[in-house]
């Protein structure tokens, strides 16, 4: 028996949607995050618009506020990482001191010859020359990816705040004519909830 055309179209739609979402993740992920942020900043943008600030200006101000918040969080985290690193170096010095004391004791008291006083470790570790450069490269790659995504998120957020009226019209055009009034009411209620 031949499969129905509707079943084939449904399967094709599922495959195409999955493929588009998989390969479009670098674009859709920042867009989804920007959509959530635009929803969060929409009441503030509307408040500024009621005070006489234009839609584009209020959207840009919201983007700059988000950028300031993210920058503050990054500065806060980096400050505590630096502080933790300095505390960690003190801990490492203490551990190294205990390690040398144990080696000296083993060498002097028990006559263990395999542990020389000058050796840092009883077992020599192979040094990997490329290890540090690989780590630095991966850190830079992640940092650039985060930076690019942050720029995209801010641009998308400003765009969504500026074009929120057109997004409403686009959604209404997607709905069947007999359901448009109900959809318009749902959109209006959701806008009031924010």
C-alpha atoms as a PDB file:
ATOM      1  CA  UNK A   1       0.000   0.000   0.000  1.00  0.00           C
ATOM      2  CA  UNK A   2       1.209   3.527  -0.859  1.00  0.00           C
ATOM      3  CA  UNK A   3       1.771   5.866   2.052  1.00  0.00           C
ATOM      4  CA  UNK A   4      -0.515   8.866   1.981  1.00  0.00           C
ATOM      5  CA  UNK A   5       0.834  12.163   0.698  1.00  0.00           C
ATOM      6  CA  UNK A   6      -0.001  13.861   3.997  1.00  0.00           C
ATOM      7  CA  UNK A   7       2.175  11.364   5.902  1.00  0.00           C
ATOM      8  CA  UNK A   8       5.100  11.968   3.509  1.00  0.00           C
ATOM      9  CA  UNK A   9       4.751  15.753   3.873  1.00  0.00           C
ATOM     10  CA  UNK A  10       4.655  15.435   7.657  1.00  0.00           C
ATOM     11  CA  UNK A  11       7.796  13.298   7.675  1.00  0.00           C
ATOM     12  CA  UNK A  12       9.523  15.710   5.271  1.00  0.00           C
ATOM     13  CA  UNK A  13       8.567  18.670   7.491  1.00  0.00           C
ATOM     14  CA  UNK A  14      10.011  16.922  10.564  1.00  0.00           C
ATOM     15  CA  UNK A  15      13.266  16.100   8.788  1.00  0.00           C
ATOM     16  CA  UNK A  16      13.639  19.606   7.332  1.00  0.00           C
ATOM     17  CA  UNK A  17      12.831  21.289  10.659  1.00  0.00           C
ATOM     18  CA  UNK A  18      15.350  19.128  12.504  1.00  0.00           C
ATOM     19  CA  UNK A  19      18.027  19.801   9.877  1.00  0.00           C
ATOM     20  CA  UNK A  20      17.406  23.545   9.882  1.00  0.00           C
ATOM     21  CA  UNK A  21      17.480  23.719  13.687  1.00  0.00           C
ATOM     22  CA  UNK A  22      20.649  21.604  13.874  1.00  0.00           C
ATOM     23  CA  UNK A  23      22.633  23.610  11.337  1.00  0.00           C
ATOM     24  CA  UNK A  24      21.053  26.932  12.317  1.00  0.00           C
ATOM     25  CA  UNK A  25      21.913  26.617  16.015  1.00  0.00           C
ATOM     26  CA  UNK A  26      24.597  29.353  15.888  1.00  0.00           C
ATOM     27  CA  UNK A  27      21.897  31.794  14.762  1.00  0.00           C
ATOM     28  CA  UNK A  28      18.821  30.471  16.566  1.00  0.00           C
ATOM     29  CA  UNK A  29      20.369  30.066  20.017  1.00  0.00           C
ATOM     30  CA  UNK A  30      21.359  33.745  20.426  1.00  0.00           C
ATOM     31  CA  UNK A  31      18.031  34.717  18.863  1.00  0.00           C
ATOM     32  CA  UNK A  32      16.106  32.673  21.438  1.00  0.00           C
ATOM     33  CA  UNK A  33      18.119  34.148  24.315  1.00  0.00           C
ATOM     34  CA  UNK A  34      17.590  37.640  22.874  1.00  0.00           C
ATOM     35  CA  UNK A  35      13.854  36.947  22.674  1.00  0.00           C
ATOM     36  CA  UNK A  36      13.717  36.107  26.360  1.00  0.00           C
ATOM     37  CA  UNK A  37      15.789  39.185  27.228  1.00  0.00           C
ATOM     38  CA  UNK A  38      13.572  41.378  25.043  1.00  0.00           C
ATOM     39  CA  UNK A  39      10.564  40.098  26.965  1.00  0.00           C
ATOM     40  CA  UNK A  40      12.309  40.940  30.240  1.00  0.00           C
ATOM     41  CA  UNK A  41      13.259  44.451  29.113  1.00  0.00           C
ATOM     42  CA  UNK A  42       9.951  45.217  27.360  1.00  0.00           C
ATOM     43  CA  UNK A  43       8.228  46.786  30.423  1.00  0.00           C
ATOM     44  CA  UNK A  44      11.212  49.073  30.985  1.00  0.00           C
ATOM     45  CA  UNK A  45      11.308  49.993  27.279  1.00  0.00           C
ATOM     46  CA  UNK A  46       7.566  50.799  27.363  1.00  0.00           C
ATOM     47  CA  UNK A  47       8.056  52.879  30.518  1.00  0.00           C
ATOM     48  CA  UNK A  48      10.752  54.918  28.779  1.00  0.00           C
ATOM     49  CA  UNK A  49       8.522  55.336  25.704  1.00  0.00           C
ATOM     50  CA  UNK A  50       5.690  56.666  27.880  1.00  0.00           C
ATOM     51  CA  UNK A  51       8.181  59.215  29.250  1.00  0.00           C
ATOM     52  CA  UNK A  52       8.816  60.512  25.725  1.00  0.00           C
ATOM     53  CA  UNK A  53      11.899  58.532  24.694  1.00  0.00           C
ATOM     54  CA  UNK A  54      11.679  57.047  21.194  1.00  0.00           C
ATOM     55  CA  UNK A  55      11.344  53.322  20.558  1.00  0.00           C
ATOM     56  CA  UNK A  56      14.789  52.945  18.987  1.00  0.00           C
ATOM     57  CA  UNK A  57      16.477  54.984  21.712  1.00  0.00           C
ATOM     58  CA  UNK A  58      14.762  53.054  24.496  1.00  0.00           C
ATOM     59  CA  UNK A  59      15.733  49.766  22.823  1.00  0.00           C
ATOM     60  CA  UNK A  60      19.367  50.850  22.587  1.00  0.00           C
ATOM     61  CA  UNK A  61      19.316  51.957  26.235  1.00  0.00           C
ATOM     62  CA  UNK A  62      17.966  48.515  27.214  1.00  0.00           C
ATOM     63  CA  UNK A  63      20.782  46.879  25.198  1.00  0.00           C
ATOM     64  CA  UNK A  64      23.369  49.061  26.922  1.00  0.00           C
ATOM     65  CA  UNK A  65      21.908  48.248  30.359  1.00  0.00           C
ATOM     66  CA  UNK A  66      22.156  44.530  29.554  1.00  0.00           C
ATOM     67  CA  UNK A  67      25.755  45.058  28.387  1.00  0.00           C
ATOM     68  CA  UNK A  68      26.548  46.860  31.652  1.00  0.00           C
ATOM     69  CA  UNK A  69      25.030  44.033  33.697  1.00  0.00           C
ATOM     70  CA  UNK A  70      27.017  41.375  31.804  1.00  0.00           C
ATOM     71  CA  UNK A  71      30.222  43.442  32.104  1.00  0.00           C
ATOM     72  CA  UNK A  72      29.652  43.814  35.844  1.00  0.00           C
ATOM     73  CA  UNK A  73      29.184  40.073  36.270  1.00  0.00           C
ATOM     74  CA  UNK A  74      32.344  39.356  34.249  1.00  0.00           C
ATOM     75  CA  UNK A  75      34.373  41.843  36.313  1.00  0.00           C
ATOM     76  CA  UNK A  76      32.998  40.388  39.547  1.00  0.00           C
ATOM     77  CA  UNK A  77      33.837  36.814  38.535  1.00  0.00           C
ATOM     78  CA  UNK A  78      37.310  37.725  37.244  1.00  0.00           C
ATOM     79  CA  UNK A  79      38.069  39.596  40.494  1.00  0.00           C
ATOM     80  CA  UNK A  80      37.185  36.529  42.553  1.00  0.00           C
ATOM     81  CA  UNK A  81      39.111  34.205  40.227  1.00  0.00           C
ATOM     82  CA  UNK A  82      42.216  36.361  40.677  1.00  0.00           C
ATOM     83  CA  UNK A  83      41.707  36.332  44.424  1.00  0.00           C
ATOM     84  CA  UNK A  84      41.174  32.580  44.437  1.00  0.00           C
ATOM     85  CA  UNK A  85      44.305  32.090  42.315  1.00  0.00           C
ATOM     86  CA  UNK A  86      46.420  34.070  44.785  1.00  0.00           C
ATOM     87  CA  UNK A  87      44.982  32.030  47.667  1.00  0.00           C
ATOM     88  CA  UNK A  88      45.650  28.859  45.692  1.00  0.00           C
ATOM     89  CA  UNK A  89      49.312  29.789  45.169  1.00  0.00           C
ATOM     90  CA  UNK A  90      49.683  30.136  48.951  1.00  0.00           C
ATOM     91  CA  UNK A  91      48.136  26.699  49.423  1.00  0.00           C
ATOM     92  CA  UNK A  92      50.473  25.243  46.771  1.00  0.00           C
ATOM     93  CA  UNK A  93      53.497  26.772  48.546  1.00  0.00           C
ATOM     94  CA  UNK A  94      52.404  25.168  51.831  1.00  0.00           C
ATOM     95  CA  UNK A  95      51.901  21.779  50.158  1.00  0.00           C
ATOM     96  CA  UNK A  96      55.297  22.059  48.452  1.00  0.00           C
ATOM     97  CA  UNK A  97      56.932  22.871  51.799  1.00  0.00           C
ATOM     98  CA  UNK A  98      55.358  19.800  53.430  1.00  0.00           C
ATOM     99  CA  UNK A  99      56.399  17.703  50.432  1.00  0.00           C
ATOM    100  CA  UNK A 100      60.042  18.767  50.816  1.00  0.00           C
ATOM    101  CA  UNK A 101      59.943  18.129  54.565  1.00  0.00           C
ATOM    102  CA  UNK A 102      58.633  14.595  53.994  1.00  0.00           C
ATOM    103  CA  UNK A 103      61.320  13.943  51.356  1.00  0.00           C
ATOM    104  CA  UNK A 104      64.044  15.225  53.674  1.00  0.00           C
ATOM    105  CA  UNK A 105      62.764  13.040  56.504  1.00  0.00           C
ATOM    106  CA  UNK A 106      62.635   9.941  54.300  1.00  0.00           C
ATOM    107  CA  UNK A 107      66.118  10.632  52.942  1.00  0.00           C
ATOM    108  CA  UNK A 108      67.777  11.495  56.268  1.00  0.00           C
ATOM    109  CA  UNK A 109      66.045   9.079  58.672  1.00  0.00           C
ATOM    110  CA  UNK A 110      65.246   6.067  56.570  1.00  0.00           C
ATOM    111  CA  UNK A 111      68.071   6.304  54.070  1.00  0.00           C
ATOM    112  CA  UNK A 112      65.784   6.105  51.074  1.00  0.00           C
ATOM    113  CA  UNK A 113      68.155   6.688  48.146  1.00  0.00           C
ATOM    114  CA  UNK A 114      65.564   6.931  45.377  1.00  0.00           C
ATOM    115  CA  UNK A 115      64.414  10.297  46.643  1.00  0.00           C
ATOM    116  CA  UNK A 116      67.092  12.893  46.181  1.00  0.00           C
ATOM    117  CA  UNK A 117      66.778  16.082  48.170  1.00  0.00           C
ATOM    118  CA  UNK A 118      66.989  18.232  45.060  1.00  0.00           C
ATOM    119  CA  UNK A 119      64.377  16.405  42.973  1.00  0.00           C
ATOM    120  CA  UNK A 120      60.984  18.025  42.894  1.00  0.00           C
ATOM    121  CA  UNK A 121      59.084  14.780  42.398  1.00  0.00           C
ATOM    122  CA  UNK A 122      60.073  11.162  42.985  1.00  0.00           C
ATOM    123  CA  UNK A 123      58.791  10.229  39.517  1.00  0.00           C
ATOM    124  CA  UNK A 124      59.845  12.462  36.648  1.00  0.00           C
ATOM    125  CA  UNK A 125      56.903  13.665  34.605  1.00  0.00           C
ATOM    126  CA  UNK A 126      57.222  14.111  30.852  1.00  0.00           C
ATOM    127  CA  UNK A 127      56.848  17.716  29.830  1.00  0.00           C
ATOM    128  CA  UNK A 128      54.445  18.422  27.041  1.00  0.00           C
ATOM    129  CA  UNK A 129      55.540  21.454  25.092  1.00  0.00           C
ATOM    130  CA  UNK A 130      52.289  21.749  23.151  1.00  0.00           C
ATOM    131  CA  UNK A 131      49.967  21.291  26.121  1.00  0.00           C
ATOM    132  CA  UNK A 132      49.935  24.916  27.222  1.00  0.00           C
ATOM    133  CA  UNK A 133      49.464  26.228  23.693  1.00  0.00           C
ATOM    134  CA  UNK A 134      46.527  23.853  23.151  1.00  0.00           C
ATOM    135  CA  UNK A 135      44.894  25.057  26.362  1.00  0.00           C
ATOM    136  CA  UNK A 136      45.500  28.705  25.447  1.00  0.00           C
ATOM    137  CA  UNK A 137      44.073  28.120  21.980  1.00  0.00           C
ATOM    138  CA  UNK A 138      40.941  26.460  23.315  1.00  0.00           C
ATOM    139  CA  UNK A 139      40.450  29.206  25.918  1.00  0.00           C
ATOM    140  CA  UNK A 140      40.758  31.876  23.212  1.00  0.00           C
ATOM    141  CA  UNK A 141      38.341  29.968  20.988  1.00  0.00           C
ATOM    142  CA  UNK A 142      35.746  29.767  23.762  1.00  0.00           C
ATOM    143  CA  UNK A 143      36.269  33.437  24.657  1.00  0.00           C
ATOM    144  CA  UNK A 144      35.766  34.530  21.033  1.00  0.00           C
ATOM    145  CA  UNK A 145      32.659  32.348  20.713  1.00  0.00           C
ATOM    146  CA  UNK A 146      31.179  33.880  23.863  1.00  0.00           C
ATOM    147  CA  UNK A 147      32.039  37.397  22.682  1.00  0.00           C
ATOM    148  CA  UNK A 148      30.440  36.841  19.261  1.00  0.00           C
ATOM    149  CA  UNK A 149      27.326  35.347  20.843  1.00  0.00           C
ATOM    150  CA  UNK A 150      27.044  38.266  23.278  1.00  0.00           C
ATOM    151  CA  UNK A 151      27.247  40.769  20.415  1.00  0.00           C
ATOM    152  CA  UNK A 152      24.591  38.811  18.498  1.00  0.00           C
ATOM    153  CA  UNK A 153      22.348  38.617  21.569  1.00  0.00           C
ATOM    154  CA  UNK A 154      22.540  42.378  22.141  1.00  0.00           C
ATOM    155  CA  UNK A 155      21.873  43.160  18.468  1.00  0.00           C
ATOM    156  CA  UNK A 156      18.964  40.709  18.309  1.00  0.00           C
ATOM    157  CA  UNK A 157      17.525  42.051  21.563  1.00  0.00           C
ATOM    158  CA  UNK A 158      17.607  45.647  20.313  1.00  0.00           C
ATOM    159  CA  UNK A 159      16.109  44.516  17.006  1.00  0.00           C
ATOM    160  CA  UNK A 160      13.276  42.606  18.701  1.00  0.00           C
ATOM    161  CA  UNK A 161      12.488  45.537  20.985  1.00  0.00           C
ATOM    162  CA  UNK A 162      12.402  47.915  18.013  1.00  0.00           C
ATOM    163  CA  UNK A 163      10.304  45.633  15.824  1.00  0.00           C
ATOM    164  CA  UNK A 164       7.843  44.278  18.382  1.00  0.00           C
ATOM    165  CA  UNK A 165       4.868  45.757  16.523  1.00  0.00           C
ATOM    166  CA  UNK A 166       5.911  44.063  13.287  1.00  0.00           C
ATOM    167  CA  UNK A 167       6.411  40.750  15.107  1.00  0.00           C
ATOM    168  CA  UNK A 168       2.792  40.972  16.312  1.00  0.00           C
ATOM    169  CA  UNK A 169       1.598  41.581  12.732  1.00  0.00           C
ATOM    170  CA  UNK A 170       3.724  38.683  11.481  1.00  0.00           C
ATOM    171  CA  UNK A 171       2.202  36.328  14.050  1.00  0.00           C
ATOM    172  CA  UNK A 172      -1.300  37.486  13.112  1.00  0.00           C
ATOM    173  CA  UNK A 173      -0.589  36.781   9.422  1.00  0.00           C
ATOM    174  CA  UNK A 174       0.457  33.220  10.289  1.00  0.00           C
ATOM    175  CA  UNK A 175      -2.905  32.479  11.933  1.00  0.00           C
ATOM    176  CA  UNK A 176      -6.053  31.560  10.017  1.00  0.00           C
ATOM    177  CA  UNK A 177      -8.451  34.494   9.568  1.00  0.00           C
ATOM    178  CA  UNK A 178     -11.125  32.936  11.804  1.00  0.00           C
ATOM    179  CA  UNK A 179      -8.623  32.711  14.712  1.00  0.00           C
ATOM    180  CA  UNK A 180      -7.029  36.170  14.324  1.00  0.00           C
ATOM    181  CA  UNK A 181      -9.231  37.951  16.848  1.00  0.00           C
ATOM    182  CA  UNK A 182      -8.535  35.308  19.503  1.00  0.00           C
ATOM    183  CA  UNK A 183      -4.811  35.486  18.714  1.00  0.00           C
ATOM    184  CA  UNK A 184      -4.859  39.302  18.926  1.00  0.00           C
ATOM    185  CA  UNK A 185      -6.515  39.030  22.353  1.00  0.00           C
ATOM    186  CA  UNK A 186      -3.935  36.466  23.554  1.00  0.00           C
ATOM    187  CA  UNK A 187      -1.053  38.680  22.380  1.00  0.00           C
ATOM    188  CA  UNK A 188      -2.584  41.714  24.106  1.00  0.00           C
ATOM    189  CA  UNK A 189      -3.080  39.790  27.372  1.00  0.00           C
ATOM    190  CA  UNK A 190       0.469  38.447  27.261  1.00  0.00           C
ATOM    191  CA  UNK A 191       1.807  41.957  26.690  1.00  0.00           C
ATOM    192  CA  UNK A 192      -0.115  43.218  29.721  1.00  0.00           C
ATOM    193  CA  UNK A 193       1.236  40.373  31.874  1.00  0.00           C
ATOM    194  CA  UNK A 194       4.745  41.681  31.344  1.00  0.00           C
END
